[in-house]
Amino acid sequence: MIGAYLGIHEKIVDAKDELKYEFYQLEHKIRHILQDEQEHITELKLLFGIK
């Protein structure tokens, strides 16, 4: 799932000039989602005892 969000982030960054006003809000949102996903992975690893 993180790969999909990374792809979306890349497309947003590539379209920065076209998005103008929306860019910062979209980029911030997707970074927040990526951070949440990373935290979920860490929590699951801890739950299952994976290092």
PDB file of N, CA and C in Angstrom:
ATOM      1  N   MET A   1       0.816  -1.194   0.000  1.00  0.00           N
ATOM      2  CA  MET A   1       0.000   0.000   0.000  1.00  0.00           C
ATOM      3  C   MET A   1       0.859   1.257   0.000  1.00  0.00           C
ATOM      4  N   ILE A   2       1.984   1.208   0.682  1.00  0.00           N
ATOM      5  CA  ILE A   2       2.857   2.381   0.723  1.00  0.00           C
ATOM      6  C   ILE A   2       3.344   2.732  -0.678  1.00  0.00           C
ATOM      7  N   GLY A   3       3.598   1.709  -1.471  1.00  0.00           N
ATOM      8  CA  GLY A   3       4.049   1.954  -2.843  1.00  0.00           C
ATOM      9  C   GLY A   3       3.058   2.777  -3.640  1.00  0.00           C
ATOM     10  N   ALA A   4       1.780   2.514  -3.438  1.00  0.00           N
ATOM     11  CA  ALA A   4       0.743   3.285  -4.137  1.00  0.00           C
ATOM     12  C   ALA A   4       0.783   4.746  -3.701  1.00  0.00           C
ATOM     13  N   TYR A   5       0.925   4.972  -2.396  1.00  0.00           N
ATOM     14  CA  TYR A   5       0.981   6.351  -1.890  1.00  0.00           C
ATOM     15  C   TYR A   5       2.250   7.067  -2.349  1.00  0.00           C
ATOM     16  N   LEU A   6       3.356   6.327  -2.424  1.00  0.00           N
ATOM     17  CA  LEU A   6       4.587   6.930  -2.932  1.00  0.00           C
ATOM     18  C   LEU A   6       4.424   7.338  -4.394  1.00  0.00           C
ATOM     19  N   GLY A   7       3.721   6.502  -5.156  1.00  0.00           N
ATOM     20  CA  GLY A   7       3.447   6.840  -6.556  1.00  0.00           C
ATOM     21  C   GLY A   7       2.586   8.081  -6.684  1.00  0.00           C
ATOM     22  N   ILE A   8       1.584   8.191  -5.835  1.00  0.00           N
ATOM     23  CA  ILE A   8       0.722   9.371  -5.832  1.00  0.00           C
ATOM     24  C   ILE A   8       1.535  10.611  -5.466  1.00  0.00           C
ATOM     25  N   HIS A   9       2.387  10.471  -4.447  1.00  0.00           N
ATOM     26  CA  HIS A   9       3.233  11.597  -4.029  1.00  0.00           C
ATOM     27  C   HIS A   9       4.124  12.051  -5.183  1.00  0.00           C
ATOM     28  N   GLU A  10       4.704  11.106  -5.880  1.00  0.00           N
ATOM     29  CA  GLU A  10       5.572  11.428  -7.008  1.00  0.00           C
ATOM     30  C   GLU A  10       4.808  12.185  -8.093  1.00  0.00           C
ATOM     31  N   LYS A  11       3.581  11.736  -8.388  1.00  0.00           N
ATOM     32  CA  LYS A  11       2.773  12.418  -9.399  1.00  0.00           C
ATOM     33  C   LYS A  11       2.405  13.834  -8.966  1.00  0.00           C
ATOM     34  N   ILE A  12       2.121  14.001  -7.680  1.00  0.00           N
ATOM     35  CA  ILE A  12       1.795  15.339  -7.163  1.00  0.00           C
ATOM     36  C   ILE A  12       3.004  16.260  -7.312  1.00  0.00           C
ATOM     37  N   VAL A  13       4.180  15.761  -6.939  1.00  0.00           N
ATOM     38  CA  VAL A  13       5.396  16.560  -7.046  1.00  0.00           C
ATOM     39  C   VAL A  13       5.690  16.895  -8.505  1.00  0.00           C
ATOM     40  N   ASP A  14       5.505  15.929  -9.397  1.00  0.00           N
ATOM     41  CA  ASP A  14       5.736  16.166 -10.822  1.00  0.00           C
ATOM     42  C   ASP A  14       4.782  17.209 -11.392  1.00  0.00           C
ATOM     43  N   ALA A  15       3.584  17.307 -10.837  1.00  0.00           N
ATOM     44  CA  ALA A  15       2.561  18.237 -11.337  1.00  0.00           C
ATOM     45  C   ALA A  15       2.507  19.536 -10.541  1.00  0.00           C
ATOM     46  N   LYS A  16       3.559  19.812  -9.787  1.00  0.00           N
ATOM     47  CA  LYS A  16       3.567  20.985  -8.900  1.00  0.00           C
ATOM     48  C   LYS A  16       3.200  22.275  -9.635  1.00  0.00           C
ATOM     49  N   ASP A  17       3.783  22.495 -10.789  1.00  0.00           N
ATOM     50  CA  ASP A  17       3.523  23.737 -11.531  1.00  0.00           C
ATOM     51  C   ASP A  17       2.077  23.834 -12.000  1.00  0.00           C
ATOM     52  N   GLU A  18       1.477  22.708 -12.328  1.00  0.00           N
ATOM     53  CA  GLU A  18       0.096  22.705 -12.805  1.00  0.00           C
ATOM     54  C   GLU A  18      -0.910  22.826 -11.666  1.00  0.00           C
ATOM     55  N   LEU A  19      -0.538  22.335 -10.490  1.00  0.00           N
ATOM     56  CA  LEU A  19      -1.468  22.330  -9.355  1.00  0.00           C
ATOM     57  C   LEU A  19      -1.515  23.666  -8.616  1.00  0.00           C
ATOM     58  N   LYS A  20      -0.450  24.434  -8.684  1.00  0.00           N
ATOM     59  CA  LYS A  20      -0.321  25.730  -8.026  1.00  0.00           C
ATOM     60  C   LYS A  20      -0.896  25.762  -6.618  1.00  0.00           C
ATOM     61  N   TYR A  21      -2.170  26.117  -6.482  1.00  0.00           N
ATOM     62  CA  TYR A  21      -2.767  26.323  -5.164  1.00  0.00           C
ATOM     63  C   TYR A  21      -3.002  25.010  -4.417  1.00  0.00           C
ATOM     64  N   GLU A  22      -3.320  23.953  -5.131  1.00  0.00           N
ATOM     65  CA  GLU A  22      -3.643  22.675  -4.501  1.00  0.00           C
ATOM     66  C   GLU A  22      -2.403  21.905  -4.070  1.00  0.00           C
ATOM     67  N   PHE A  23      -1.256  22.236  -4.672  1.00  0.00           N
ATOM     68  CA  PHE A  23      -0.054  21.438  -4.445  1.00  0.00           C
ATOM     69  C   PHE A  23       0.274  21.264  -2.972  1.00  0.00           C
ATOM     70  N   TYR A  24       0.375  22.355  -2.238  1.00  0.00           N
ATOM     71  CA  TYR A  24       0.830  22.267  -0.847  1.00  0.00           C
ATOM     72  C   TYR A  24      -0.132  21.473   0.023  1.00  0.00           C
ATOM     73  N   GLN A  25      -1.421  21.645  -0.210  1.00  0.00           N
ATOM     74  CA  GLN A  25      -2.410  20.892   0.569  1.00  0.00           C
ATOM     75  C   GLN A  25      -2.339  19.404   0.222  1.00  0.00           C
ATOM     76  N   LEU A  26      -2.294  19.075  -1.063  1.00  0.00           N
ATOM     77  CA  LEU A  26      -2.222  17.675  -1.482  1.00  0.00           C
ATOM     78  C   LEU A  26      -0.930  17.013  -1.002  1.00  0.00           C
ATOM     79  N   GLU A  27       0.172  17.719  -1.166  1.00  0.00           N
ATOM     80  CA  GLU A  27       1.459  17.152  -0.786  1.00  0.00           C
ATOM     81  C   GLU A  27       1.512  16.923   0.719  1.00  0.00           C
ATOM     82  N   HIS A  28       0.985  17.844   1.486  1.00  0.00           N
ATOM     83  CA  HIS A  28       0.942  17.696   2.935  1.00  0.00           C
ATOM     84  C   HIS A  28       0.083  16.493   3.332  1.00  0.00           C
ATOM     85  N   LYS A  29      -1.078  16.368   2.710  1.00  0.00           N
ATOM     86  CA  LYS A  29      -1.993  15.256   3.025  1.00  0.00           C
ATOM     87  C   LYS A  29      -1.336  13.910   2.741  1.00  0.00           C
ATOM     88  N   ILE A  30      -0.724  13.775   1.574  1.00  0.00           N
ATOM     89  CA  ILE A  30      -0.146  12.487   1.196  1.00  0.00           C
ATOM     90  C   ILE A  30       1.050  12.150   2.087  1.00  0.00           C
ATOM     91  N   ARG A  31       1.837  13.172   2.492  1.00  0.00           N
ATOM     92  CA  ARG A  31       2.934  12.914   3.427  1.00  0.00           C
ATOM     93  C   ARG A  31       2.398  12.428   4.764  1.00  0.00           C
ATOM     94  N   HIS A  32       1.282  12.991   5.206  1.00  0.00           N
ATOM     95  CA  HIS A  32       0.660  12.577   6.460  1.00  0.00           C
ATOM     96  C   HIS A  32       0.175  11.123   6.367  1.00  0.00           C
ATOM     97  N   ILE A  33      -0.427  10.775   5.247  1.00  0.00           N
ATOM     98  CA  ILE A  33      -0.893   9.400   5.026  1.00  0.00           C
ATOM     99  C   ILE A  33       0.296   8.440   5.029  1.00  0.00           C
ATOM    100  N   LEU A  34       1.380   8.809   4.359  1.00  0.00           N
ATOM    101  CA  LEU A  34       2.581   7.962   4.338  1.00  0.00           C
ATOM    102  C   LEU A  34       3.148   7.768   5.738  1.00  0.00           C
ATOM    103  N   GLN A  35       3.161   8.813   6.525  1.00  0.00           N
ATOM    104  CA  GLN A  35       3.644   8.708   7.897  1.00  0.00           C
ATOM    105  C   GLN A  35       2.760   7.759   8.706  1.00  0.00           C
ATOM    106  N   ASP A  36       1.444   7.887   8.558  1.00  0.00           N
ATOM    107  CA  ASP A  36       0.520   6.983   9.255  1.00  0.00           C
ATOM    108  C   ASP A  36       0.756   5.533   8.851  1.00  0.00           C
ATOM    109  N   GLU A  37       0.936   5.292   7.559  1.00  0.00           N
ATOM    110  CA  GLU A  37       1.166   3.936   7.074  1.00  0.00           C
ATOM    111  C   GLU A  37       2.460   3.355   7.641  1.00  0.00           C
ATOM    112  N   GLN A  38       3.500   4.173   7.709  1.00  0.00           N
ATOM    113  CA  GLN A  38       4.766   3.712   8.289  1.00  0.00           C
ATOM    114  C   GLN A  38       4.572   3.339   9.764  1.00  0.00           C
ATOM    115  N   GLU A  39       3.807   4.148  10.480  1.00  0.00           N
ATOM    116  CA  GLU A  39       3.527   3.853  11.884  1.00  0.00           C
ATOM    117  C   GLU A  39       2.741   2.555  12.020  1.00  0.00           C
ATOM    118  N   HIS A  40       1.803   2.321  11.122  1.00  0.00           N
ATOM    119  CA  HIS A  40       1.013   1.089  11.159  1.00  0.00           C
ATOM    120  C   HIS A  40       1.906  -0.127  10.936  1.00  0.00           C
ATOM    121  N   ILE A  41       2.831  -0.011  10.004  1.00  0.00           N
ATOM    122  CA  ILE A  41       3.755  -1.122   9.739  1.00  0.00           C
ATOM    123  C   ILE A  41       4.594  -1.410  10.978  1.00  0.00           C
ATOM    124  N   THR A  42       5.095  -0.357  11.607  1.00  0.00           N
ATOM    125  CA  THR A  42       5.901  -0.527  12.820  1.00  0.00           C
ATOM    126  C   THR A  42       5.084  -1.185  13.925  1.00  0.00           C
ATOM    127  N   GLU A  43       3.856  -0.740  14.104  1.00  0.00           N
ATOM    128  CA  GLU A  43       2.983  -1.311  15.136  1.00  0.00           C
ATOM    129  C   GLU A  43       2.693  -2.786  14.871  1.00  0.00           C
ATOM    130  N   LEU A  44       2.435  -3.129  13.611  1.00  0.00           N
ATOM    131  CA  LEU A  44       2.166  -4.525  13.264  1.00  0.00           C
ATOM    132  C   LEU A  44       3.395  -5.397  13.494  1.00  0.00           C
ATOM    133  N   LYS A  45       4.559  -4.869  13.128  1.00  0.00           N
ATOM    134  CA  LYS A  45       5.790  -5.636  13.359  1.00  0.00           C
ATOM    135  C   LYS A  45       5.983  -5.904  14.846  1.00  0.00           C
ATOM    136  N   LEU A  46       5.724  -4.886  15.661  1.00  0.00           N
ATOM    137  CA  LEU A  46       5.849  -5.076  17.112  1.00  0.00           C
ATOM    138  C   LEU A  46       4.844  -6.091  17.615  1.00  0.00           C
ATOM    139  N   LEU A  47       3.629  -6.031  17.110  1.00  0.00           N
ATOM    140  CA  LEU A  47       2.574  -6.950  17.514  1.00  0.00           C
ATOM    141  C   LEU A  47       2.930  -8.400  17.189  1.00  0.00           C
ATOM    142  N   PHE A  48       3.518  -8.598  15.997  1.00  0.00           N
ATOM    143  CA  PHE A  48       3.842  -9.943  15.565  1.00  0.00           C
ATOM    144  C   PHE A  48       5.267 -10.356  15.929  1.00  0.00           C
ATOM    145  N   GLY A  49       6.003  -9.485  16.595  1.00  0.00           N
ATOM    146  CA  GLY A  49       7.351  -9.815  17.029  1.00  0.00           C
ATOM    147  C   GLY A  49       8.355  -9.864  15.894  1.00  0.00           C
ATOM    148  N   ILE A  50       8.114  -9.111  14.847  1.00  0.00           N
ATOM    149  CA  ILE A  50       9.014  -9.069  13.699  1.00  0.00           C
ATOM    150  C   ILE A  50      10.009  -7.935  13.901  1.00  0.00           C
ATOM    151  N   LYS A  51      11.277  -8.235  13.625  1.00  0.00           N
ATOM    152  CA  LYS A  51      12.307  -7.186  13.783  1.00  0.00           C
ATOM    153  C   LYS A  51      12.688  -6.588  12.472  1.00  0.00           C
TER     154      LYS A  51
END
